[in-house]
Protein backbone atom coordinates (compact mmCIF):
# COMPACT_ATOMS: atom_id res chain seq x y z
CA MET A 1 9.81 -17.07 0.24
CA ALA A 2 6.73 -15.22 -1.03
CA SER A 3 3.86 -14.28 1.25
CA LEU A 4 0.28 -13.45 0.28
CA LYS A 5 -2.10 -11.31 2.30
CA VAL A 6 -5.77 -10.67 1.44
CA PHE A 7 -7.56 -7.51 2.56
CA LYS A 8 -11.36 -7.74 2.69
CA PRO A 9 -13.60 -4.66 2.73
CA GLN A 10 -14.36 -3.62 6.33
CA ARG A 11 -16.14 -0.30 5.85
CA ARG A 12 -17.28 1.97 3.07
CA GLU A 13 -14.78 4.61 1.95
CA PRO A 14 -15.49 7.17 -0.79
CA MET A 15 -13.56 7.23 -4.05
CA PRO A 16 -10.60 9.65 -3.77
CA PRO A 17 -10.40 12.66 -6.11
CA GLY A 18 -9.58 11.55 -9.63
CA GLY A 19 -9.73 7.90 -8.53
CA VAL A 20 -6.14 8.06 -7.29
CA LEU A 21 -5.28 7.01 -3.74
CA VAL A 22 -2.09 8.49 -2.28
CA SER A 23 -0.68 7.13 0.98
CA GLU A 24 2.36 8.53 2.79
CA TRP A 25 3.96 7.45 6.05
CA ALA A 26 7.29 7.52 7.89
CA VAL A 27 9.71 4.61 7.88
CA GLY A 28 12.61 5.52 10.11
CA ARG A 29 14.02 8.82 8.83
CA ARG A 30 12.46 8.35 5.40
CA THR A 31 9.00 8.91 3.94
CA VAL A 32 7.29 6.31 1.77
CA ARG A 33 4.62 7.21 -0.77
CA LEU A 34 2.29 4.88 -2.68
CA VAL A 35 0.18 6.24 -5.54
CA GLN A 36 -2.50 3.94 -6.97
CA ASP A 37 -5.31 4.38 -9.49
CA VAL A 38 -8.16 2.58 -7.72
CA THR A 39 -10.46 2.76 -10.74
CA VAL A 40 -8.45 -0.12 -12.25
CA THR A 41 -9.58 -2.96 -10.01
CA VAL A 42 -8.93 -6.10 -12.04
CA GLY A 43 -5.57 -7.62 -12.77
CA VAL A 44 -2.11 -7.90 -11.37
CA SER A 45 0.22 -4.95 -11.13
CA ALA A 46 3.29 -3.77 -9.29
CA LEU A 47 2.89 -0.90 -6.86
CA PRO A 48 6.26 0.86 -6.68
CA ALA A 49 7.07 2.67 -3.47
CA GLU A 50 8.56 6.17 -3.75
CA TRP A 51 11.14 6.82 -1.01
CA SER A 52 12.29 10.21 0.17
CA PRO A 53 14.97 11.50 0.57
CA ASP A 54 16.47 8.26 -0.83
CA ARG A 55 15.70 4.57 -1.24
CA PRO A 56 17.22 2.48 1.56
CA ARG A 57 19.62 -0.32 0.72
CA LYS A 58 18.40 -2.36 3.67
CA LEU A 59 15.67 -2.05 6.30
CA GLY A 60 16.02 -3.02 9.95
CA LYS A 61 13.33 -5.04 11.75
CA ARG A 62 11.57 -1.93 13.08
CA GLU A 63 11.65 -0.27 9.65
CA TRP A 64 10.18 -3.40 8.01
CA ARG A 65 7.34 -3.32 10.55
CA GLU A 66 6.72 0.38 9.82
CA TYR A 67 6.82 -0.21 6.07
CA ARG A 68 4.46 -3.19 6.19
CA ALA A 69 2.01 -1.42 8.51
CA GLY A 70 1.72 1.51 6.08
CA ARG A 71 1.54 -0.72 3.02
CA ASP A 72 -1.13 -2.90 4.64
CA ALA A 73 -3.16 0.19 5.62
CA HIS A 74 -2.97 1.35 1.99
CA HIS A 75 -4.23 -2.00 0.68
CA GLN A 76 -7.03 -2.05 3.27
CA ARG A 77 -8.17 1.39 2.10
CA VAL A 78 -8.19 0.16 -1.51
CA ALA A 79 -10.40 -2.79 -0.50
CA ASP A 80 -12.71 -0.41 1.39
CA ILE A 81 -12.93 1.96 -1.59
CA ILE A 82 -13.61 -0.66 -4.27
CA GLY A 83 -15.75 -2.88 -2.03
CA ALA A 84 -13.88 -6.05 -3.00
CA PRO A 85 -10.96 -8.09 -1.66
CA VAL A 86 -7.41 -6.99 -2.52
CA ALA A 87 -4.47 -9.38 -2.44
CA SER A 88 -0.89 -8.33 -1.80
CA ALA A 89 2.10 -10.56 -2.48
CA GLU A 90 5.52 -9.87 -1.03
CA LEU A 91 8.25 -11.55 -3.04
């Protein structure tokens, strides 16, 4: 089942260098990295997660919570930077 979450701007955040927002956080023993060009604000696009040292086959409940918390923080920052709502769908 798909879920949709909308992030509304909460505070003003400056545009990152080069217009590219990079977020990294720990999920279990791995590190997740999202890289997004925030100058492109209209449209639908996939945001692939880069995993290090490897991509997990399956996440436990705690790891899902850690992943979602970091992903949601990233999307909130995008909304704060562009000053407009950002929607995230999990399929």
